[in-house]
Amino acid sequence: MNKLEQRTALSLAAVYAVRMLGLFMILPILPLYAERFEDATPFLIGLAIGVYGLTQATFQIPLGLLSDRFGRKKIIIGGLLIFALGSVIAALSDNIYSIIIGRAIQGMGAIAAATMALAADLTEENNRAKVMASIGMTIGVAFAVAMVVGPILDQWYGLSGIFWITALLALIGIALVAFVVPQPKKLFHHRDAGVLGDYILPALKNANLLRMNAGVFVLHMVMTANFTILPLIFKNQLELASASHWKIYLPVFGLSFIFAVPMIILAEKYQKIKPLLIGTIAALLLAQLGMAASSNIIWLLLLSFLIFFISFNFLEAVQPSLVAKYSGVNIKGTAMGVFSTSQFMGIFVGGVIGGFLLQQFGQAAVFIFGAVAALLWLTLTLSLPAPKFYKSRLLKLNHAMLTNGQATSEALNRVAGVKEVAIAVDEGIAYLKVDNKELNESDLLAFQ
């Protein structure tokens, strides 16, 4: 990558990091406050945990589309201001209801789609995947850091202090966008990185993509439901002070990454993605059953928790790759936007149902619910077709090739190894899916 692209990757990854840290730090903390707020119930705590997912899902695609019209940076800065406002409302709260309102407003600052589109505006075609990957990795790192740091900050500053820190992080994100992130010369409608309104319906009609959307919905629903109860289990059954919960989170996340990374390599490099996908969903199911049965068995609880996060980290990494494999080359960005919306809806539903089940039926019910959801997901996944391991490729076209897009598309389809073609005349780019083993690189040079 050139210096501009390196700056883009680092600065936008930092923007993502400060925002996701603020959202995730509350996850291992909020259930512990059920006894401190007069009107708080497990259901309301679960709603407070998950409600940002509802507003995030609602506003993400519309704000992404608005960024095409009004500019990426304006939408991102506006979204971060809304996020900061929600954080301040939650910080000033003395009851669970105003925390719910603050969390809902946090989610309204949904900048994911606009941020990815800005990254695409600022990068050359051949390096776009690298920039996207660096931003995507930030989410996983931010989650792990937040889970470890959140309980420690809670001991020092309390729940209100965490929300104030979240507001400060949002302001830091605004400064990064305003003064560090480069300004794009021109905005494009990126088919590989942005949401295009015309492609939403085709993305929703794709049966394989629908099953991927259902999968990410279940994964994040189960994860969020689990965290309506896990902090309480660590406090009450393990008799571990909340400030010491990092002693569980840190080794579990560390070990889960160590186990998940080789699995990801095996899935992609050796094309074992479907059997590993099925196996990890089955492991997720077993982990839920293990946690449900571990009321007085500490080793089973911790082992099940570890297996859950090994599965979670693997699934979190390979599902976006599968979305790219199952989507048409021209709807990839839109398919990813719908996929992300499903993820946030899962967070909302998981918080609400987890809190309700905990309140009405106890902690085992939360884990059994997760096991049933995982079983349904496993059933859907068994019928997925084996994906094609084609690579996405962006080809810059010369001016002559853009005068007759149909003829150029037909000519590209005749090149050995080219499996799918979509030409974006406004960008001067051909979006391709290719089989690298068959691809004749020299034939592509004639189109540049």
Protein backbone atom coordinates (compact mmCIF):
# COMPACT_ATOMS: atom_id res chain seq x y z
CA MET A 1 0.00 0.00 0.00
CA ASN A 2 1.14 3.57 -0.62
CA LYS A 3 1.38 6.12 2.18
CA LEU A 4 -2.14 7.45 1.59
CA GLU A 5 -3.60 3.94 1.83
CA GLN A 6 -1.56 3.14 4.93
CA ARG A 7 -2.83 6.34 6.54
CA THR A 8 -6.38 5.46 5.52
CA ALA A 9 -6.15 1.94 6.94
CA LEU A 10 -4.61 3.02 10.25
CA SER A 11 -6.83 6.04 10.85
CA LEU A 12 -10.14 4.34 9.94
CA ALA A 13 -9.16 1.28 11.97
CA ALA A 14 -8.55 3.63 14.91
CA VAL A 15 -11.99 5.24 14.38
CA TYR A 16 -13.57 1.79 14.42
CA ALA A 17 -11.56 0.81 17.49
CA VAL A 18 -12.57 3.75 19.67
CA ARG A 19 -16.23 3.32 18.78
CA MET A 20 -16.36 -0.45 19.26
CA LEU A 21 -14.44 -0.21 22.54
CA GLY A 22 -17.14 2.09 23.83
CA LEU A 23 -19.92 -0.28 22.79
CA PHE A 24 -18.31 -3.49 24.03
CA MET A 25 -16.94 -2.33 27.40
CA ILE A 26 -20.43 -2.30 28.84
CA LEU A 27 -21.13 -5.96 27.94
CA PRO A 28 -19.36 -7.64 30.91
CA ILE A 29 -20.41 -4.87 33.33
CA LEU A 30 -24.07 -3.99 32.97
CA PRO A 31 -25.58 -7.27 34.32
CA LEU A 32 -23.72 -6.65 37.59
CA TYR A 33 -25.72 -3.44 38.11
CA ALA A 34 -29.13 -5.13 38.28
CA GLU A 35 -29.15 -4.80 42.07
CA ARG A 36 -27.99 -1.17 42.10
CA PHE A 37 -30.83 0.37 40.11
CA GLU A 38 -34.17 0.40 41.89
CA ASP A 39 -36.35 -0.58 38.94
CA ALA A 40 -33.83 -2.80 37.13
CA THR A 41 -34.86 -6.33 36.20
CA PRO A 42 -32.91 -8.92 34.20
CA PHE A 43 -35.21 -8.18 31.25
CA LEU A 44 -34.49 -4.44 31.37
CA ILE A 45 -30.77 -5.11 31.77
CA GLY A 46 -30.91 -7.35 28.71
CA LEU A 47 -32.78 -4.64 26.81
CA ALA A 48 -30.14 -2.09 27.79
CA ILE A 49 -27.41 -4.42 26.58
CA GLY A 50 -29.03 -5.19 23.23
CA VAL A 51 -31.07 -2.13 22.29
CA TYR A 52 -28.20 -0.45 20.48
CA GLY A 53 -28.31 -3.38 18.03
CA LEU A 54 -31.87 -2.46 17.03
CA THR A 55 -31.07 1.16 16.24
CA GLN A 56 -27.75 0.20 14.64
CA ALA A 57 -29.54 -2.24 12.33
CA THR A 58 -32.22 0.35 11.54
CA PHE A 59 -29.88 3.21 10.62
CA GLN A 60 -26.80 1.52 9.18
CA ILE A 61 -27.92 1.06 5.56
CA PRO A 62 -29.84 4.40 5.33
CA LEU A 63 -26.81 6.31 6.63
CA GLY A 64 -24.57 4.46 4.19
CA LEU A 65 -26.84 5.53 1.33
CA LEU A 66 -26.95 9.11 2.64
CA SER A 67 -23.15 9.21 2.66
CA ASP A 68 -23.27 8.81 -1.14
CA ARG A 69 -25.26 12.03 -1.32
CA PHE A 70 -23.91 14.23 1.48
CA GLY A 71 -20.36 12.98 1.84
CA ARG A 72 -18.73 10.24 3.89
CA LYS A 73 -17.02 12.39 6.50
CA LYS A 74 -20.14 14.43 7.28
CA ILE A 75 -22.16 11.28 7.95
CA ILE A 76 -19.39 9.63 9.98
CA ILE A 77 -18.80 12.71 12.13
CA GLY A 78 -22.55 13.15 12.59
CA GLY A 79 -22.86 9.50 13.60
CA LEU A 80 -20.04 9.83 16.13
CA LEU A 81 -21.70 12.94 17.59
CA ILE A 82 -24.94 11.01 18.04
CA PHE A 83 -22.96 8.16 19.60
CA ALA A 84 -21.30 10.63 22.00
CA LEU A 85 -24.71 12.11 22.88
CA GLY A 86 -26.07 8.68 23.76
CA SER A 87 -23.01 8.02 25.89
CA VAL A 88 -23.49 11.28 27.82
CA ILE A 89 -27.18 10.52 28.43
CA ALA A 90 -26.23 7.08 29.80
CA ALA A 91 -23.41 8.59 31.91
CA LEU A 92 -25.83 11.02 33.57
CA SER A 93 -28.42 8.30 34.21
CA ASP A 94 -29.50 7.20 37.65
CA ASN A 95 -32.04 4.62 36.44
CA ILE A 96 -32.15 1.77 33.95
CA TYR A 97 -34.68 3.48 31.67
CA SER A 98 -32.45 6.41 30.80
CA ILE A 99 -29.55 4.01 30.23
CA ILE A 100 -31.74 2.17 27.72
CA ILE A 101 -32.48 5.48 25.99
CA GLY A 102 -28.77 6.37 25.95
CA ARG A 103 -27.83 2.99 24.50
CA ALA A 104 -30.52 3.30 21.82
CA ILE A 105 -29.15 6.71 20.81
CA GLN A 106 -25.62 5.26 20.72
CA GLY A 107 -26.80 2.77 18.12
CA MET A 108 -28.34 5.51 15.98
CA GLY A 109 -24.81 6.68 15.19
CA ALA A 110 -24.45 3.78 12.75
CA ILE A 111 -21.36 4.58 10.68
CA ALA A 112 -20.15 1.14 9.58
CA ALA A 113 -21.41 1.32 5.96
CA ALA A 114 -20.22 4.91 5.48
CA THR A 115 -16.80 4.06 6.92
CA MET A 116 -16.29 1.12 4.57
CA ALA A 117 -17.37 3.24 1.60
CA LEU A 118 -14.89 5.95 2.62
CA ALA A 119 -12.13 3.34 2.85
CA ALA A 120 -12.99 2.23 -0.69
CA ASP A 121 -12.94 5.84 -1.95
CA LEU A 122 -9.40 6.28 -0.65
CA THR A 123 -7.76 3.08 -1.87
CA GLU A 124 -6.65 1.71 -5.20
CA GLU A 125 -8.48 -1.31 -6.49
CA ASN A 126 -5.65 -3.79 -5.88
CA ASN A 127 -5.17 -2.75 -2.23
CA ARG A 128 -8.78 -2.32 -1.18
CA ALA A 129 -9.06 -5.80 0.31
CA LYS A 130 -6.01 -5.17 2.52
CA VAL A 131 -7.51 -1.97 3.92
CA MET A 132 -10.87 -3.64 4.54
CA ALA A 133 -9.16 -6.55 6.29
CA SER A 134 -7.20 -4.24 8.59
CA ILE A 135 -10.40 -2.46 9.60
CA GLY A 136 -12.22 -5.76 10.10
CA MET A 137 -9.47 -7.11 12.35
CA THR A 138 -9.88 -4.05 14.54
CA ILE A 139 -13.37 -5.15 15.57
CA GLY A 140 -12.14 -8.46 16.97
CA VAL A 141 -9.25 -6.83 18.80
CA ALA A 142 -11.52 -4.11 20.21
CA PHE A 143 -13.95 -6.74 21.48
CA ALA A 144 -11.22 -8.66 23.31
CA VAL A 145 -9.66 -5.52 24.78
CA ALA A 146 -13.04 -4.16 25.89
CA MET A 147 -13.95 -7.38 27.69
CA VAL A 148 -10.69 -7.29 29.63
CA VAL A 149 -10.52 -3.54 30.28
CA GLY A 150 -14.23 -2.98 31.03
CA PRO A 151 -14.28 -4.67 34.46
CA ILE A 152 -11.07 -2.87 35.48
CA LEU A 153 -12.42 0.55 34.48
CA ASP A 154 -15.65 -0.26 36.31
CA GLN A 155 -13.69 -0.72 39.54
CA TRP A 156 -11.96 2.64 39.06
CA TYR A 157 -14.73 4.82 37.63
CA GLY A 158 -18.00 2.90 37.86
CA LEU A 159 -20.65 2.51 35.17
CA SER A 160 -21.07 6.25 34.73
CA GLY A 161 -17.32 6.63 34.26
CA ILE A 162 -17.30 4.00 31.51
CA PHE A 163 -19.97 5.93 29.61
CA TRP A 164 -17.98 9.16 30.02
CA ILE A 165 -14.91 7.38 28.65
CA THR A 166 -17.07 6.14 25.77
CA ALA A 167 -18.13 9.73 25.00
CA LEU A 168 -14.47 10.79 25.07
CA LEU A 169 -13.55 7.97 22.69
CA ALA A 170 -16.25 9.18 20.30
CA LEU A 171 -14.75 12.68 20.33
CA ILE A 172 -11.33 11.19 19.62
CA GLY A 173 -12.92 9.39 16.66
CA ILE A 174 -14.32 12.70 15.38
CA ALA A 175 -10.87 14.30 15.61
CA LEU A 176 -9.37 11.40 13.67
CA VAL A 177 -11.97 11.70 10.91
CA ALA A 178 -11.63 15.49 10.70
CA PHE A 179 -7.84 15.81 10.85
CA VAL A 180 -6.20 12.46 10.12
CA VAL A 181 -8.39 10.50 7.70
CA PRO A 182 -7.69 11.76 4.15
CA GLN A 183 -10.38 13.54 2.16
CA PRO A 184 -11.45 11.59 -0.95
CA LYS A 185 -11.28 13.44 -4.24
CA LYS A 186 -14.48 11.85 -5.50
CA LEU A 187 -17.23 9.60 -4.15
CA PHE A 188 -18.11 6.39 -5.96
CA HIS A 189 -20.85 3.81 -5.60
CA HIS A 190 -18.62 0.84 -4.78
CA ARG A 191 -20.22 -2.49 -5.57
CA ASP A 192 -17.68 -4.38 -3.48
CA ALA A 193 -17.65 -2.15 -0.38
CA GLY A 194 -20.78 0.00 -0.35
CA VAL A 195 -24.52 -0.57 -0.10
CA LEU A 196 -26.41 0.16 -3.32
CA GLY A 197 -30.18 0.51 -3.05
CA ASP A 198 -30.83 -1.29 -6.36
CA TYR A 199 -29.04 -4.40 -5.11
CA ILE A 200 -30.76 -4.84 -1.73
CA LEU A 201 -33.63 -6.90 -3.14
CA PRO A 202 -31.34 -9.25 -5.15
CA ALA A 203 -29.25 -9.78 -2.00
CA LEU A 204 -32.39 -10.68 -0.06
CA LYS A 205 -33.55 -13.14 -2.74
CA ASN A 206 -30.33 -15.17 -2.65
CA ALA A 207 -31.13 -18.32 -0.62
CA ASN A 208 -27.51 -18.95 0.35
CA LEU A 209 -27.06 -15.37 1.55
CA LEU A 210 -30.28 -15.64 3.56
CA ARG A 211 -28.83 -18.60 5.40
CA MET A 212 -25.63 -16.66 6.06
CA ASN A 213 -27.73 -13.78 7.42
CA ALA A 214 -29.58 -16.23 9.66
CA GLY A 215 -26.26 -17.62 10.84
CA VAL A 216 -24.74 -14.31 11.89
CA PHE A 217 -28.05 -13.39 13.52
CA VAL A 218 -27.96 -16.57 15.63
CA LEU A 219 -24.26 -16.21 16.48
CA HIS A 220 -24.62 -12.71 17.89
CA MET A 221 -27.99 -13.44 19.47
CA VAL A 222 -26.47 -16.34 21.42
CA MET A 223 -23.35 -14.37 22.37
CA THR A 224 -25.37 -11.42 23.69
CA ALA A 225 -27.83 -13.67 25.53
CA ASN A 226 -24.89 -15.43 27.20
CA PHE A 227 -23.58 -12.14 28.55
CA THR A 228 -26.85 -11.34 30.29
CA ILE A 229 -25.89 -14.11 32.73
CA LEU A 230 -22.15 -14.94 32.51
CA PRO A 231 -20.91 -11.92 34.53
CA LEU A 232 -23.36 -12.88 37.30
CA ILE A 233 -22.14 -16.48 37.26
CA PHE A 234 -18.53 -15.37 37.52
CA LYS A 235 -19.43 -13.12 40.45
CA ASN A 236 -21.79 -15.41 42.38
CA GLN A 237 -20.73 -18.97 41.62
CA LEU A 238 -17.01 -18.40 41.17
CA GLU A 239 -17.04 -15.73 43.92
CA LEU A 240 -14.88 -13.53 41.72
CA ALA A 241 -15.01 -9.74 42.20
CA SER A 242 -16.06 -7.93 39.04
CA ALA A 243 -12.67 -6.20 38.78
CA SER A 244 -11.06 -9.64 38.55
CA HIS A 245 -13.22 -10.97 35.73
CA TRP A 246 -10.41 -10.11 33.33
CA LYS A 247 -8.59 -13.13 34.79
CA ILE A 248 -11.16 -15.26 32.98
CA TYR A 249 -11.62 -13.18 29.84
CA LEU A 250 -7.93 -12.67 29.03
CA PRO A 251 -6.83 -16.33 28.97
CA VAL A 252 -10.06 -17.46 27.29
CA PHE A 253 -9.76 -14.90 24.49
CA GLY A 254 -6.05 -15.54 24.12
CA LEU A 255 -6.48 -19.31 23.85
CA SER A 256 -9.50 -18.98 21.58
CA PHE A 257 -7.48 -16.89 19.09
CA ILE A 258 -4.61 -19.41 19.23
CA PHE A 259 -7.00 -22.26 18.37
CA ALA A 260 -9.15 -20.34 15.87
CA VAL A 261 -6.37 -18.98 13.63
CA PRO A 262 -5.12 -22.39 12.39
CA MET A 263 -8.73 -23.38 11.77
CA ILE A 264 -9.25 -20.26 9.65
CA ILE A 265 -6.10 -21.03 7.64
CA LEU A 266 -7.24 -24.62 7.14
CA ALA A 267 -10.68 -23.44 6.02
CA GLU A 268 -9.42 -20.96 3.43
CA LYS A 269 -6.07 -22.28 2.22
CA TYR A 270 -7.07 -25.94 2.11
CA GLN A 271 -10.72 -25.26 1.19
CA LYS A 272 -12.22 -27.00 4.23
CA ILE A 273 -14.57 -24.16 5.05
CA LYS A 274 -17.89 -26.05 4.95
CA PRO A 275 -16.92 -29.01 7.18
CA LEU A 276 -15.25 -26.66 9.65
CA LEU A 277 -18.31 -24.39 9.57
CA ILE A 278 -20.56 -27.32 10.44
CA GLY A 279 -18.14 -28.58 13.08
CA THR A 280 -17.84 -25.25 14.87
CA ILE A 281 -21.60 -24.70 14.93
CA ALA A 282 -21.90 -28.17 16.49
CA ALA A 283 -19.18 -27.17 18.99
CA LEU A 284 -21.14 -24.00 19.74
CA LEU A 285 -24.20 -26.13 20.49
CA LEU A 286 -22.20 -28.39 22.82
CA ALA A 287 -20.70 -25.36 24.57
CA GLN A 288 -24.19 -24.03 25.28
CA LEU A 289 -25.28 -27.39 26.70
CA GLY A 290 -22.09 -27.56 28.76
CA MET A 291 -22.73 -24.14 30.30
CA ALA A 292 -26.36 -25.10 30.98
CA ALA A 293 -25.19 -28.21 32.89
CA SER A 294 -22.36 -26.51 34.80
CA SER A 295 -24.25 -24.88 37.67
CA ASN A 296 -21.85 -26.34 40.24
CA ILE A 297 -19.04 -27.60 37.99
CA ILE A 298 -16.51 -24.82 37.52
CA TRP A 299 -14.19 -26.70 35.16
CA LEU A 300 -17.11 -27.54 32.83
CA LEU A 301 -18.24 -23.91 32.81
CA LEU A 302 -14.79 -22.60 31.91
CA LEU A 303 -14.15 -25.31 29.32
CA SER A 304 -17.53 -24.64 27.69
CA PHE A 305 -16.85 -20.90 27.74
CA LEU A 306 -13.53 -21.49 25.97
CA ILE A 307 -15.11 -23.77 23.35
CA PHE A 308 -17.80 -21.16 22.78
CA PHE A 309 -15.25 -18.46 21.99
CA ILE A 310 -13.09 -20.69 19.82
CA SER A 311 -16.22 -21.33 17.76
CA PHE A 312 -17.27 -17.68 17.91
CA ASN A 313 -13.90 -16.37 16.67
CA PHE A 314 -13.76 -18.88 13.83
CA LEU A 315 -17.34 -18.20 12.73
CA GLU A 316 -16.90 -14.45 13.02
CA ALA A 317 -13.94 -14.66 10.64
CA VAL A 318 -15.21 -17.08 7.98
CA GLN A 319 -18.82 -15.98 7.62
CA PRO A 320 -17.97 -12.70 5.80
CA SER A 321 -15.73 -14.75 3.50
CA LEU A 322 -18.66 -17.03 2.73
CA VAL A 323 -20.90 -14.04 2.03
CA ALA A 324 -18.37 -12.89 -0.58
CA LYS A 325 -18.26 -16.40 -2.08
CA TYR A 326 -22.04 -16.82 -2.29
CA SER A 327 -22.86 -13.29 -3.51
CA GLY A 328 -22.77 -12.11 -7.09
CA VAL A 329 -19.72 -10.02 -7.89
CA ASN A 330 -21.84 -6.89 -8.35
CA ILE A 331 -23.80 -7.18 -5.08
CA LYS A 332 -20.99 -8.09 -2.66
CA GLY A 333 -20.98 -4.75 -0.82
CA THR A 334 -24.76 -4.70 -0.49
CA ALA A 335 -24.80 -8.32 0.67
CA MET A 336 -22.26 -7.44 3.37
CA GLY A 337 -24.44 -4.51 4.46
CA VAL A 338 -27.49 -6.77 4.84
CA PHE A 339 -25.33 -9.35 6.63
CA SER A 340 -24.11 -6.71 9.08
CA THR A 341 -27.68 -5.54 9.70
CA SER A 342 -28.65 -9.12 10.57
CA GLN A 343 -25.74 -9.26 13.02
CA PHE A 344 -26.97 -6.18 14.89
CA MET A 345 -30.54 -7.45 14.97
CA GLY A 346 -29.18 -10.63 16.57
CA ILE A 347 -27.54 -8.53 19.29
CA PHE A 348 -30.86 -6.84 20.04
CA VAL A 349 -32.90 -10.05 20.12
CA GLY A 350 -30.25 -11.83 22.19
CA GLY A 351 -30.24 -9.13 24.85
CA VAL A 352 -34.04 -9.03 25.10
CA ILE A 353 -34.65 -12.79 25.08
CA GLY A 354 -31.66 -13.52 27.32
CA GLY A 355 -32.88 -11.05 29.93
CA PHE A 356 -36.44 -12.35 29.73
CA LEU A 357 -35.44 -16.00 30.09
CA LEU A 358 -33.13 -15.22 32.99
CA GLN A 359 -35.89 -13.32 34.77
CA GLN A 360 -38.60 -15.93 34.20
CA PHE A 361 -36.79 -19.28 34.18
CA GLY A 362 -33.24 -18.89 35.48
CA GLN A 363 -29.75 -19.09 34.06
CA ALA A 364 -29.92 -22.58 32.54
CA ALA A 365 -32.79 -21.45 30.30
CA VAL A 366 -30.56 -18.83 28.65
CA PHE A 367 -27.99 -21.43 27.67
CA ILE A 368 -30.61 -23.96 26.54
CA PHE A 369 -32.14 -21.27 24.34
CA GLY A 370 -28.71 -20.76 22.78
CA ALA A 371 -28.35 -24.49 22.21
CA VAL A 372 -31.73 -24.68 20.44
CA ALA A 373 -30.83 -21.69 18.26
CA ALA A 374 -27.48 -23.31 17.38
CA LEU A 375 -29.27 -26.54 16.47
CA LEU A 376 -31.60 -24.68 14.09
CA TRP A 377 -28.59 -22.93 12.56
CA LEU A 378 -26.79 -26.25 12.14
CA THR A 379 -29.83 -27.64 10.32
CA LEU A 380 -29.84 -24.69 7.91
CA THR A 381 -26.10 -24.98 7.30
CA LEU A 382 -26.11 -28.66 6.37
CA SER A 383 -27.86 -27.88 3.09
CA LEU A 384 -25.50 -25.07 2.06
CA PRO A 385 -23.76 -25.88 -1.23
CA ALA A 386 -19.99 -26.15 -1.18
CA PRO A 387 -18.66 -22.66 -1.97
CA LYS A 388 -16.46 -21.89 -4.96
CA PHE A 389 -13.05 -20.61 -3.91
CA TYR A 390 -12.84 -17.90 -6.53
CA LYS A 391 -10.98 -14.68 -5.78
CA SER A 392 -12.47 -11.23 -6.12
CA ARG A 393 -10.48 -9.05 -8.50
CA LEU A 394 -10.85 -5.42 -9.50
CA LEU A 395 -9.53 -4.53 -12.94
CA LYS A 396 -8.94 -0.91 -13.98
CA LEU A 397 -10.18 -0.57 -17.57
CA ASN A 398 -8.79 1.71 -20.25
CA HIS A 399 -11.07 4.31 -21.79
CA ALA A 400 -11.67 2.34 -24.99
CA MET A 401 -13.01 -0.59 -22.99
CA LEU A 402 -15.60 1.61 -21.30
CA THR A 403 -17.27 2.82 -24.50
CA ASN A 404 -19.02 -0.52 -25.01
CA GLY A 405 -19.50 -2.16 -21.64
CA GLN A 406 -21.46 -5.12 -23.00
CA ALA A 407 -18.76 -6.07 -25.50
CA THR A 408 -16.04 -5.67 -22.86
CA SER A 409 -17.98 -7.85 -20.45
CA GLU A 410 -18.34 -10.58 -23.07
CA ALA A 411 -14.63 -10.38 -23.92
CA LEU A 412 -13.65 -10.64 -20.26
CA ASN A 413 -15.88 -13.67 -19.81
CA ARG A 414 -13.88 -15.39 -22.57
CA VAL A 415 -10.59 -14.96 -20.67
CA ALA A 416 -9.44 -18.24 -19.13
CA GLY A 417 -10.10 -18.27 -15.38
CA VAL A 418 -12.64 -15.43 -15.33
CA LYS A 419 -15.86 -16.76 -13.80
CA GLU A 420 -17.98 -13.65 -13.31
CA VAL A 421 -17.89 -10.06 -14.59
CA ALA A 422 -19.65 -6.80 -13.69
CA ILE A 423 -18.52 -3.50 -15.19
CA ALA A 424 -18.95 -0.17 -13.35
CA VAL A 425 -18.53 2.51 -16.02
CA ASP A 426 -18.61 5.38 -13.50
CA GLU A 427 -15.64 3.89 -11.65
CA GLY A 428 -13.85 2.65 -14.76
CA ILE A 429 -13.56 -0.77 -13.12
CA ALA A 430 -14.46 -4.35 -13.94
CA TYR A 431 -15.43 -6.40 -10.88
CA LEU A 432 -14.33 -9.98 -11.43
CA LYS A 433 -14.42 -13.38 -9.79
CA VAL A 434 -11.52 -15.46 -11.00
CA ASP A 435 -9.99 -18.89 -10.52
CA ASN A 436 -6.31 -18.10 -10.01
CA LYS A 437 -5.30 -21.61 -11.04
CA GLU A 438 -6.81 -21.10 -14.50
CA LEU A 439 -6.39 -17.34 -14.93
CA ASN A 440 -4.42 -16.06 -17.89
CA GLU A 441 -2.93 -12.83 -16.51
CA SER A 442 -1.47 -11.69 -19.82
CA ASP A 443 -4.92 -11.65 -21.45
CA LEU A 444 -6.15 -9.22 -18.79
CA LEU A 445 -3.43 -6.70 -19.66
CA ALA A 446 -5.20 -5.93 -22.93
CA PHE A 447 -8.12 -4.43 -20.98
CA GLN A 448 -6.05 -2.00 -18.89
